[in-house]
Amino acid sequence: MKHSLATGRLLTLITFAFILWLTACIRLPCSHTSTTTPAETPTSAAKPMPINLNTASATELERLPGVGPVLAERIITYRNEHGRFRRAEHLMMVRGVSDRKFRGVRSLVKVE
């Protein structure tokens, strides 16, 4: 009786290991199945250049998602009154720029 119980556990472990191996193999990308060619890969020109918060005009700021004319003017007014932005996170100090809105534009802005 003990022998068959040990055999059953061993078989269960082997089956479990096989399932883990199988799922790991499915998730691995295969280089030979790629359908894109080097000419079709996205280039850096497709990515928009980040807007410098310290030099951007109201028109440039309005291109950011969630930034309209009023908020663009508030950003410029804040910049004029308090000086240059030292970090992009300081944009959240402008009235109307919430944490959520900042996270939406974070990759589109820079500070130099």
N, C-alpha and C. Protein backbone atom coordinates (compact mmCIF):
# COMPACT_ATOMS: atom_id res chain seq x y z
N MET A 1 0.81 -1.19 0.00
CA MET A 1 0.00 0.00 0.00
C MET A 1 0.87 1.26 0.00
N LYS A 2 1.96 1.26 0.81
CA LYS A 2 2.84 2.41 0.85
C LYS A 2 3.49 2.67 -0.50
N HIS A 3 3.84 1.61 -1.17
CA HIS A 3 4.52 1.74 -2.45
C HIS A 3 3.65 2.46 -3.48
N SER A 4 2.40 2.13 -3.55
CA SER A 4 1.52 2.77 -4.52
C SER A 4 1.24 4.22 -4.16
N LEU A 5 1.22 4.56 -2.86
CA LEU A 5 1.02 5.94 -2.43
C LEU A 5 2.22 6.79 -2.84
N ALA A 6 3.44 6.27 -2.66
CA ALA A 6 4.64 6.99 -3.06
C ALA A 6 4.70 7.14 -4.57
N THR A 7 4.30 6.12 -5.28
CA THR A 7 4.27 6.19 -6.74
C THR A 7 3.26 7.23 -7.21
N GLY A 8 2.12 7.30 -6.55
CA GLY A 8 1.11 8.29 -6.90
C GLY A 8 1.58 9.71 -6.66
N ARG A 9 2.29 9.92 -5.54
CA ARG A 9 2.83 11.26 -5.25
C ARG A 9 3.90 11.65 -6.27
N LEU A 10 4.75 10.68 -6.61
CA LEU A 10 5.79 10.94 -7.60
C LEU A 10 5.18 11.29 -8.94
N LEU A 11 4.15 10.57 -9.31
CA LEU A 11 3.47 10.84 -10.57
C LEU A 11 2.81 12.22 -10.55
N THR A 12 2.24 12.60 -9.42
CA THR A 12 1.64 13.93 -9.28
C THR A 12 2.70 15.01 -9.42
N LEU A 13 3.86 14.81 -8.76
CA LEU A 13 4.94 15.79 -8.86
C LEU A 13 5.46 15.91 -10.29
N ILE A 14 5.60 14.81 -10.96
CA ILE A 14 6.08 14.83 -12.35
C ILE A 14 5.06 15.55 -13.23
N THR A 15 3.78 15.27 -13.02
CA THR A 15 2.74 15.94 -13.81
C THR A 15 2.74 17.44 -13.55
N PHE A 16 2.86 17.83 -12.29
CA PHE A 16 2.91 19.25 -11.92
C PHE A 16 4.12 19.93 -12.57
N ALA A 17 5.28 19.27 -12.51
CA ALA A 17 6.49 19.83 -13.12
C ALA A 17 6.31 19.98 -14.63
N PHE A 18 5.68 19.02 -15.26
CA PHE A 18 5.45 19.09 -16.69
C PHE A 18 4.52 20.25 -17.04
N ILE A 19 3.48 20.45 -16.25
CA ILE A 19 2.55 21.57 -16.50
C ILE A 19 3.27 22.90 -16.34
N LEU A 20 4.11 23.03 -15.31
CA LEU A 20 4.88 24.26 -15.14
C LEU A 20 5.82 24.50 -16.32
N TRP A 21 6.48 23.45 -16.76
CA TRP A 21 7.39 23.57 -17.89
C TRP A 21 6.63 23.97 -19.15
N LEU A 22 5.47 23.35 -19.34
CA LEU A 22 4.68 23.63 -20.53
C LEU A 22 4.19 25.07 -20.56
N THR A 23 3.70 25.58 -19.43
CA THR A 23 3.22 26.97 -19.40
C THR A 23 4.37 27.94 -19.55
N ALA A 24 5.54 27.62 -19.01
CA ALA A 24 6.70 28.50 -19.17
C ALA A 24 7.12 28.56 -20.63
N CYS A 25 7.03 27.46 -21.34
CA CYS A 25 7.40 27.44 -22.75
C CYS A 25 6.41 28.22 -23.59
N ILE A 26 5.18 28.21 -23.24
CA ILE A 26 4.16 28.93 -24.00
C ILE A 26 4.37 30.44 -23.89
N ARG A 27 4.81 30.91 -22.74
CA ARG A 27 4.97 32.34 -22.51
C ARG A 27 6.24 32.91 -23.12
N LEU A 28 7.20 32.06 -23.46
CA LEU A 28 8.44 32.55 -24.02
C LEU A 28 8.22 32.99 -25.47
N PRO A 29 8.74 34.16 -25.84
CA PRO A 29 8.60 34.59 -27.23
C PRO A 29 9.51 33.77 -28.13
N CYS A 30 9.02 33.46 -29.28
CA CYS A 30 9.80 32.70 -30.26
C CYS A 30 10.29 33.66 -31.33
N SER A 31 11.59 33.66 -31.58
CA SER A 31 12.15 34.59 -32.54
C SER A 31 11.79 34.22 -33.98
N HIS A 32 11.55 32.95 -34.24
CA HIS A 32 11.26 32.54 -35.60
C HIS A 32 9.81 32.80 -36.01
N THR A 33 8.95 33.19 -35.07
CA THR A 33 7.55 33.44 -35.42
C THR A 33 7.25 34.93 -35.58
N SER A 34 8.25 35.76 -35.50
CA SER A 34 8.04 37.19 -35.63
C SER A 34 7.61 37.53 -37.05
N THR A 35 6.56 38.35 -37.16
CA THR A 35 6.06 38.72 -38.48
C THR A 35 6.47 40.12 -38.89
N THR A 36 7.12 40.86 -38.00
CA THR A 36 7.54 42.21 -38.36
C THR A 36 8.95 42.17 -38.93
N THR A 37 9.17 43.02 -39.87
CA THR A 37 10.50 43.15 -40.45
C THR A 37 11.16 44.38 -39.85
N PRO A 38 12.46 44.52 -39.96
CA PRO A 38 13.12 45.70 -39.40
C PRO A 38 12.56 47.01 -39.95
N ALA A 39 12.08 47.01 -41.18
CA ALA A 39 11.52 48.23 -41.76
C ALA A 39 10.19 48.59 -41.12
N GLU A 40 9.47 47.60 -40.56
CA GLU A 40 8.17 47.85 -39.97
C GLU A 40 8.24 48.21 -38.50
N THR A 41 9.38 48.07 -37.86
CA THR A 41 9.48 48.37 -36.44
C THR A 41 9.36 49.87 -36.22
N PRO A 42 8.71 50.26 -35.11
CA PRO A 42 8.54 51.69 -34.85
C PRO A 42 9.88 52.37 -34.60
N THR A 43 10.00 53.58 -35.07
CA THR A 43 11.23 54.34 -34.88
C THR A 43 11.02 55.37 -33.80
N SER A 44 12.09 56.00 -33.40
CA SER A 44 11.99 57.03 -32.37
C SER A 44 11.27 58.26 -32.90
N ALA A 45 11.16 58.42 -34.21
CA ALA A 45 10.46 59.56 -34.79
C ALA A 45 8.96 59.47 -34.52
N ALA A 46 8.45 58.26 -34.28
CA ALA A 46 7.04 58.09 -34.02
C ALA A 46 6.67 58.57 -32.63
N LYS A 47 7.62 58.60 -31.70
CA LYS A 47 7.35 59.06 -30.34
C LYS A 47 7.40 60.58 -30.31
N PRO A 48 6.42 61.21 -29.64
CA PRO A 48 6.47 62.66 -29.55
C PRO A 48 7.59 63.11 -28.62
N MET A 49 8.21 64.21 -28.98
CA MET A 49 9.27 64.76 -28.14
C MET A 49 8.65 65.36 -26.89
N PRO A 50 9.25 65.14 -25.72
CA PRO A 50 8.71 65.73 -24.49
C PRO A 50 8.76 67.25 -24.54
N ILE A 51 7.76 67.86 -23.95
CA ILE A 51 7.66 69.33 -23.91
C ILE A 51 8.39 69.82 -22.67
N ASN A 52 9.27 70.80 -22.86
CA ASN A 52 9.99 71.40 -21.74
C ASN A 52 9.06 72.35 -21.01
N LEU A 53 8.79 72.07 -19.74
CA LEU A 53 7.86 72.90 -18.97
C LEU A 53 8.38 74.31 -18.76
N ASN A 54 9.68 74.51 -18.82
CA ASN A 54 10.24 75.83 -18.55
C ASN A 54 10.28 76.74 -19.78
N THR A 55 10.09 76.19 -20.95
CA THR A 55 10.15 77.02 -22.15
C THR A 55 8.90 76.91 -23.03
N ALA A 56 7.99 76.05 -22.67
CA ALA A 56 6.82 75.79 -23.52
C ALA A 56 5.86 76.98 -23.53
N SER A 57 5.31 77.22 -24.70
CA SER A 57 4.28 78.26 -24.83
C SER A 57 2.93 77.66 -24.46
N ALA A 58 1.92 78.50 -24.37
CA ALA A 58 0.57 78.03 -24.04
C ALA A 58 0.08 77.05 -25.11
N THR A 59 0.38 77.34 -26.36
CA THR A 59 -0.04 76.46 -27.46
C THR A 59 0.59 75.07 -27.33
N GLU A 60 1.87 75.03 -26.98
CA GLU A 60 2.54 73.74 -26.80
C GLU A 60 1.95 72.98 -25.62
N LEU A 61 1.68 73.68 -24.52
CA LEU A 61 1.13 73.02 -23.34
C LEU A 61 -0.27 72.47 -23.61
N GLU A 62 -1.03 73.14 -24.46
CA GLU A 62 -2.38 72.69 -24.78
C GLU A 62 -2.39 71.38 -25.56
N ARG A 63 -1.27 71.00 -26.12
CA ARG A 63 -1.19 69.71 -26.83
C ARG A 63 -1.19 68.53 -25.86
N LEU A 64 -0.89 68.80 -24.59
CA LEU A 64 -0.88 67.73 -23.59
C LEU A 64 -2.31 67.30 -23.30
N PRO A 65 -2.53 66.01 -23.08
CA PRO A 65 -3.88 65.54 -22.78
C PRO A 65 -4.39 66.11 -21.46
N GLY A 66 -5.59 66.66 -21.49
CA GLY A 66 -6.20 67.21 -20.29
C GLY A 66 -5.80 68.64 -19.99
N VAL A 67 -4.99 69.25 -20.84
CA VAL A 67 -4.57 70.64 -20.63
C VAL A 67 -5.24 71.51 -21.68
N GLY A 68 -6.08 72.40 -21.21
CA GLY A 68 -6.76 73.35 -22.08
C GLY A 68 -6.13 74.71 -21.96
N PRO A 69 -6.76 75.73 -22.55
CA PRO A 69 -6.19 77.08 -22.52
C PRO A 69 -6.06 77.65 -21.11
N VAL A 70 -7.03 77.38 -20.24
CA VAL A 70 -7.00 77.92 -18.88
C VAL A 70 -5.86 77.31 -18.09
N LEU A 71 -5.73 76.00 -18.14
CA LEU A 71 -4.67 75.34 -17.40
C LEU A 71 -3.29 75.68 -17.97
N ALA A 72 -3.19 75.83 -19.26
CA ALA A 72 -1.92 76.23 -19.88
C ALA A 72 -1.49 77.60 -19.36
N GLU A 73 -2.44 78.52 -19.26
CA GLU A 73 -2.13 79.86 -18.73
C GLU A 73 -1.75 79.79 -17.25
N ARG A 74 -2.40 78.92 -16.49
CA ARG A 74 -2.04 78.75 -15.07
C ARG A 74 -0.62 78.23 -14.92
N ILE A 75 -0.22 77.31 -15.80
CA ILE A 75 1.14 76.77 -15.75
C ILE A 75 2.15 77.88 -16.04
N ILE A 76 1.87 78.69 -17.04
CA ILE A 76 2.78 79.78 -17.40
C ILE A 76 2.82 80.83 -16.30
N THR A 77 1.68 81.15 -15.72
CA THR A 77 1.62 82.12 -14.62
C THR A 77 2.41 81.60 -13.42
N TYR A 78 2.23 80.32 -13.10
CA TYR A 78 2.99 79.74 -11.98
C TYR A 78 4.49 79.81 -12.26
N ARG A 79 4.88 79.50 -13.47
CA ARG A 79 6.29 79.53 -13.85
C ARG A 79 6.84 80.96 -13.73
N ASN A 80 6.06 81.95 -14.14
CA ASN A 80 6.51 83.35 -14.06
C ASN A 80 6.61 83.83 -12.62
N GLU A 81 5.68 83.39 -11.76
CA GLU A 81 5.66 83.86 -10.38
C GLU A 81 6.67 83.13 -9.49
N HIS A 82 6.88 81.85 -9.71
CA HIS A 82 7.71 81.04 -8.83
C HIS A 82 9.05 80.63 -9.43
N GLY A 83 9.29 80.98 -10.65
CA GLY A 83 10.55 80.60 -11.29
C GLY A 83 10.43 79.27 -12.03
N ARG A 84 11.54 78.84 -12.56
CA ARG A 84 11.57 77.62 -13.37
C ARG A 84 11.19 76.39 -12.55
N PHE A 85 10.60 75.42 -13.23
CA PHE A 85 10.32 74.13 -12.61
C PHE A 85 11.64 73.40 -12.44
N ARG A 86 11.91 72.88 -11.26
CA ARG A 86 13.14 72.12 -11.04
C ARG A 86 12.95 70.65 -11.35
N ARG A 87 11.72 70.17 -11.14
CA ARG A 87 11.37 68.78 -11.42
C ARG A 87 10.01 68.77 -12.08
N ALA A 88 9.76 67.77 -12.89
CA ALA A 88 8.46 67.66 -13.56
C ALA A 88 7.34 67.49 -12.54
N GLU A 89 7.62 66.86 -11.40
CA GLU A 89 6.62 66.65 -10.37
C GLU A 89 6.10 67.96 -9.79
N HIS A 90 6.87 69.03 -9.90
CA HIS A 90 6.43 70.33 -9.40
C HIS A 90 5.23 70.87 -10.18
N LEU A 91 4.95 70.28 -11.30
CA LEU A 91 3.78 70.67 -12.07
C LEU A 91 2.50 70.47 -11.25
N MET A 92 2.52 69.52 -10.32
CA MET A 92 1.34 69.26 -9.50
C MET A 92 1.06 70.41 -8.52
N MET A 93 1.97 71.34 -8.39
CA MET A 93 1.74 72.50 -7.52
C MET A 93 0.84 73.53 -8.19
N VAL A 94 0.64 73.39 -9.48
CA VAL A 94 -0.25 74.29 -10.23
C VAL A 94 -1.69 73.87 -9.96
N ARG A 95 -2.53 74.84 -9.64
CA ARG A 95 -3.94 74.54 -9.39
C ARG A 95 -4.57 73.96 -10.64
N GLY A 96 -5.21 72.81 -10.47
CA GLY A 96 -5.85 72.13 -11.59
C GLY A 96 -5.07 70.93 -12.11
N VAL A 97 -3.84 70.75 -11.63
CA VAL A 97 -3.05 69.59 -12.05
C VAL A 97 -3.05 68.60 -10.88
N SER A 98 -3.88 67.59 -11.00
CA SER A 98 -3.98 66.56 -9.96
C SER A 98 -2.89 65.51 -10.18
N ASP A 99 -2.78 64.62 -9.22
CA ASP A 99 -1.83 63.51 -9.35
C ASP A 99 -2.18 62.66 -10.56
N ARG A 100 -3.46 62.44 -10.74
CA ARG A 100 -3.91 61.62 -11.87
C ARG A 100 -3.58 62.29 -13.21
N LYS A 101 -3.84 63.58 -13.29
CA LYS A 101 -3.54 64.30 -14.54
C LYS A 101 -2.04 64.31 -14.79
N PHE A 102 -1.26 64.49 -13.73
CA PHE A 102 0.19 64.49 -13.89
C PHE A 102 0.69 63.15 -14.41
N ARG A 103 0.18 62.05 -13.86
CA ARG A 103 0.59 60.73 -14.34
C ARG A 103 0.25 60.54 -15.82
N GLY A 104 -0.79 61.21 -16.29
CA GLY A 104 -1.16 61.09 -17.70
C GLY A 104 -0.23 61.83 -18.63
N VAL A 105 0.44 62.87 -18.12
CA VAL A 105 1.33 63.66 -18.97
C VAL A 105 2.79 63.49 -18.62
N ARG A 106 3.11 62.70 -17.62
CA ARG A 106 4.48 62.57 -17.13
C ARG A 106 5.48 62.21 -18.23
N SER A 107 5.11 61.29 -19.08
CA SER A 107 6.06 60.86 -20.12
C SER A 107 6.15 61.88 -21.26
N LEU A 108 5.28 62.88 -21.25
CA LEU A 108 5.25 63.85 -22.34
C LEU A 108 5.90 65.18 -21.98
N VAL A 109 6.37 65.31 -20.73
CA VAL A 109 6.99 66.57 -20.29
C VAL A 109 8.40 66.31 -19.76
N LYS A 110 9.19 67.36 -19.78
CA LYS A 110 10.54 67.29 -19.22
C LYS A 110 10.88 68.65 -18.63
N VAL A 111 11.94 68.68 -17.84
CA VAL A 111 12.41 69.92 -17.24
C VAL A 111 13.90 70.03 -17.52
N GLU A 112 14.29 71.11 -18.13
CA GLU A 112 15.72 71.36 -18.42
C GLU A 112 16.12 72.69 -17.88
